Amino acid sequence: MAYHSDPTANIALGSVNREWQRMVHLAVRIRRNPEMASAEAERRFTGIYRRLLTDPLAEVEAELHGKGR
């Protein structure tokens, strides 16, 4: 995570990073165990999160380990 001199921006970026990591973890769990996939779980993956279910699993796992940045 980058540091900004603006504390409000820092807090906002931290929140975005935490949300992204949470969605990456969920996507990896769903893709490794297809039985977890449900309409409700997949409905969460809209907009920028959709790629977490459509990109190759290796790329998503790289995001999980911080190598996709």
N, C-alpha and C. Protein backbone atom coordinates (compact mmCIF):
# COMPACT_ATOMS: atom_id res chain seq x y z
N MET A 1 0.85 -1.17 0.00
CA MET A 1 0.00 0.00 0.00
C MET A 1 0.89 1.23 0.00
N ALA A 2 0.53 2.20 -0.78
CA ALA A 2 1.28 3.44 -0.87
C ALA A 2 0.88 4.38 0.26
N TYR A 3 1.81 5.23 0.64
CA TYR A 3 1.53 6.21 1.68
C TYR A 3 1.30 7.56 1.01
N HIS A 4 0.25 8.24 1.41
CA HIS A 4 -0.07 9.57 0.91
C HIS A 4 -0.04 10.54 2.08
N SER A 5 0.33 11.77 1.79
CA SER A 5 0.39 12.75 2.86
C SER A 5 -0.99 13.14 3.37
N ASP A 6 -2.00 12.79 2.63
CA ASP A 6 -3.39 13.09 3.03
C ASP A 6 -3.93 11.90 3.83
N PRO A 7 -4.18 12.07 5.13
CA PRO A 7 -4.67 10.95 5.95
C PRO A 7 -5.99 10.37 5.46
N THR A 8 -6.86 11.20 4.93
CA THR A 8 -8.14 10.71 4.44
C THR A 8 -7.93 9.79 3.24
N ALA A 9 -7.05 10.18 2.35
CA ALA A 9 -6.75 9.34 1.18
C ALA A 9 -6.11 8.03 1.63
N ASN A 10 -5.25 8.09 2.62
CA ASN A 10 -4.62 6.88 3.15
C ASN A 10 -5.66 5.90 3.68
N ILE A 11 -6.61 6.41 4.44
CA ILE A 11 -7.67 5.57 5.00
C ILE A 11 -8.51 4.97 3.88
N ALA A 12 -8.85 5.77 2.89
CA ALA A 12 -9.68 5.29 1.78
C ALA A 12 -8.95 4.20 0.99
N LEU A 13 -7.69 4.41 0.70
CA LEU A 13 -6.93 3.41 -0.05
C LEU A 13 -6.76 2.13 0.75
N GLY A 14 -6.58 2.27 2.06
CA GLY A 14 -6.48 1.08 2.90
C GLY A 14 -7.76 0.27 2.86
N SER A 15 -8.90 0.94 2.88
CA SER A 15 -10.19 0.26 2.81
C SER A 15 -10.36 -0.46 1.48
N VAL A 16 -9.96 0.18 0.41
CA VAL A 16 -10.07 -0.42 -0.92
C VAL A 16 -9.17 -1.65 -1.00
N ASN A 17 -7.96 -1.55 -0.51
CA ASN A 17 -7.03 -2.69 -0.54
C ASN A 17 -7.57 -3.86 0.28
N ARG A 18 -8.13 -3.58 1.44
CA ARG A 18 -8.69 -4.66 2.27
C ARG A 18 -9.87 -5.32 1.57
N GLU A 19 -10.74 -4.54 0.94
CA GLU A 19 -11.89 -5.10 0.21
C GLU A 19 -11.41 -5.96 -0.96
N TRP A 20 -10.41 -5.48 -1.70
CA TRP A 20 -9.88 -6.23 -2.84
C TRP A 20 -9.32 -7.58 -2.36
N GLN A 21 -8.53 -7.56 -1.29
CA GLN A 21 -7.95 -8.79 -0.78
C GLN A 21 -9.04 -9.75 -0.28
N ARG A 22 -10.07 -9.23 0.33
CA ARG A 22 -11.17 -10.07 0.79
C ARG A 22 -11.85 -10.76 -0.39
N MET A 23 -12.06 -10.01 -1.47
CA MET A 23 -12.70 -10.58 -2.65
C MET A 23 -11.78 -11.58 -3.36
N VAL A 24 -10.48 -11.32 -3.36
CA VAL A 24 -9.53 -12.27 -3.95
C VAL A 24 -9.56 -13.58 -3.17
N HIS A 25 -9.55 -13.51 -1.85
CA HIS A 25 -9.62 -14.72 -1.02
C HIS A 25 -10.90 -15.50 -1.32
N LEU A 26 -12.02 -14.81 -1.39
CA LEU A 26 -13.30 -15.46 -1.67
C LEU A 26 -13.30 -16.10 -3.06
N ALA A 27 -12.77 -15.41 -4.05
CA ALA A 27 -12.72 -15.95 -5.41
C ALA A 27 -11.86 -17.20 -5.48
N VAL A 28 -10.73 -17.20 -4.81
CA VAL A 28 -9.86 -18.38 -4.82
C VAL A 28 -10.57 -19.55 -4.15
N ARG A 29 -11.24 -19.30 -3.03
CA ARG A 29 -11.97 -20.37 -2.35
C ARG A 29 -13.07 -20.94 -3.24
N ILE A 30 -13.80 -20.06 -3.94
CA ILE A 30 -14.88 -20.51 -4.83
C ILE A 30 -14.32 -21.31 -6.00
N ARG A 31 -13.22 -20.84 -6.55
CA ARG A 31 -12.67 -21.52 -7.73
C ARG A 31 -12.00 -22.84 -7.39
N ARG A 32 -11.45 -22.95 -6.19
CA ARG A 32 -10.83 -24.22 -5.78
C ARG A 32 -11.89 -25.24 -5.39
N ASN A 33 -13.02 -24.79 -4.90
CA ASN A 33 -14.10 -25.67 -4.46
C ASN A 33 -15.39 -25.23 -5.17
N PRO A 34 -15.64 -25.74 -6.36
CA PRO A 34 -16.81 -25.30 -7.13
C PRO A 34 -18.15 -25.52 -6.41
N GLU A 35 -18.18 -26.39 -5.41
CA GLU A 35 -19.42 -26.60 -4.67
C GLU A 35 -19.81 -25.35 -3.89
N MET A 36 -18.82 -24.50 -3.58
CA MET A 36 -19.10 -23.24 -2.87
C MET A 36 -19.77 -22.22 -3.77
N ALA A 37 -19.59 -22.37 -5.08
CA ALA A 37 -20.14 -21.41 -6.02
C ALA A 37 -21.66 -21.45 -5.95
N SER A 38 -22.22 -20.33 -5.71
CA SER A 38 -23.67 -20.21 -5.69
C SER A 38 -24.04 -18.93 -6.41
N ALA A 39 -25.29 -18.80 -6.72
CA ALA A 39 -25.74 -17.59 -7.40
C ALA A 39 -25.48 -16.36 -6.53
N GLU A 40 -25.67 -16.49 -5.23
CA GLU A 40 -25.44 -15.36 -4.33
C GLU A 40 -23.96 -14.98 -4.29
N ALA A 41 -23.08 -15.97 -4.21
CA ALA A 41 -21.65 -15.68 -4.16
C ALA A 41 -21.19 -15.04 -5.46
N GLU A 42 -21.64 -15.55 -6.59
CA GLU A 42 -21.21 -15.00 -7.87
C GLU A 42 -21.84 -13.64 -8.14
N ARG A 43 -22.96 -13.35 -7.53
CA ARG A 43 -23.59 -12.05 -7.70
C ARG A 43 -22.73 -10.95 -7.08
N ARG A 44 -21.92 -11.29 -6.11
CA ARG A 44 -21.02 -10.31 -5.48
C ARG A 44 -19.93 -9.86 -6.45
N PHE A 45 -19.60 -10.70 -7.41
CA PHE A 45 -18.48 -10.42 -8.31
C PHE A 45 -18.96 -9.68 -9.56
N THR A 46 -19.23 -8.40 -9.39
CA THR A 46 -19.62 -7.55 -10.51
C THR A 46 -18.57 -6.47 -10.68
N GLY A 47 -18.63 -5.79 -11.78
CA GLY A 47 -17.70 -4.68 -12.02
C GLY A 47 -16.25 -5.15 -12.05
N ILE A 48 -15.40 -4.48 -11.30
CA ILE A 48 -13.97 -4.81 -11.32
C ILE A 48 -13.68 -6.17 -10.70
N TYR A 49 -14.59 -6.70 -9.91
CA TYR A 49 -14.36 -7.99 -9.27
C TYR A 49 -14.64 -9.18 -10.19
N ARG A 50 -15.36 -8.95 -11.28
CA ARG A 50 -15.76 -10.03 -12.18
C ARG A 50 -14.55 -10.80 -12.71
N ARG A 51 -13.46 -10.08 -12.94
CA ARG A 51 -12.27 -10.72 -13.49
C ARG A 51 -11.68 -11.76 -12.54
N LEU A 52 -11.99 -11.67 -11.25
CA LEU A 52 -11.48 -12.64 -10.30
C LEU A 52 -12.06 -14.03 -10.55
N LEU A 53 -13.21 -14.09 -11.19
CA LEU A 53 -13.82 -15.39 -11.52
C LEU A 53 -13.53 -15.82 -12.95
N THR A 54 -13.08 -14.90 -13.80
CA THR A 54 -12.86 -15.25 -15.20
C THR A 54 -11.40 -15.35 -15.60
N ASP A 55 -10.52 -14.66 -14.91
CA ASP A 55 -9.08 -14.74 -15.21
C ASP A 55 -8.56 -16.12 -14.82
N PRO A 56 -7.43 -16.53 -15.41
CA PRO A 56 -6.84 -17.82 -15.01
C PRO A 56 -6.56 -17.84 -13.50
N LEU A 57 -6.75 -18.99 -12.91
CA LEU A 57 -6.59 -19.14 -11.47
C LEU A 57 -5.18 -18.76 -11.01
N ALA A 58 -4.18 -19.03 -11.83
CA ALA A 58 -2.80 -18.68 -11.45
C ALA A 58 -2.64 -17.17 -11.26
N GLU A 59 -3.30 -16.38 -12.11
CA GLU A 59 -3.22 -14.93 -11.98
C GLU A 59 -3.92 -14.45 -10.71
N VAL A 60 -5.05 -15.05 -10.40
CA VAL A 60 -5.80 -14.66 -9.21
C VAL A 60 -4.99 -15.04 -7.96
N GLU A 61 -4.37 -16.21 -7.99
CA GLU A 61 -3.54 -16.61 -6.85
C GLU A 61 -2.33 -15.71 -6.70
N ALA A 62 -1.80 -15.19 -7.81
CA ALA A 62 -0.69 -14.23 -7.73
C ALA A 62 -1.15 -12.96 -7.01
N GLU A 63 -2.38 -12.54 -7.26
CA GLU A 63 -2.96 -11.38 -6.54
C GLU A 63 -3.04 -11.69 -5.06
N LEU A 64 -3.37 -12.92 -4.75
CA LEU A 64 -3.50 -13.33 -3.35
C LEU A 64 -2.19 -13.19 -2.60
N HIS A 65 -1.10 -13.45 -3.29
CA HIS A 65 0.21 -13.39 -2.66
C HIS A 65 0.91 -12.06 -2.90
N GLY A 66 0.20 -11.09 -3.48
CA GLY A 66 0.76 -9.76 -3.67
C GLY A 66 1.69 -9.63 -4.85
N LYS A 67 1.74 -10.63 -5.72
CA LYS A 67 2.65 -10.58 -6.87
C LYS A 67 1.99 -10.00 -8.10
N GLY A 68 0.70 -9.74 -8.04
CA GLY A 68 -0.03 -9.22 -9.19
C GLY A 68 -0.05 -7.72 -9.25
N ARG A 69 0.68 -7.06 -8.37
CA ARG A 69 0.65 -5.60 -8.35
C ARG A 69 1.71 -5.01 -9.22
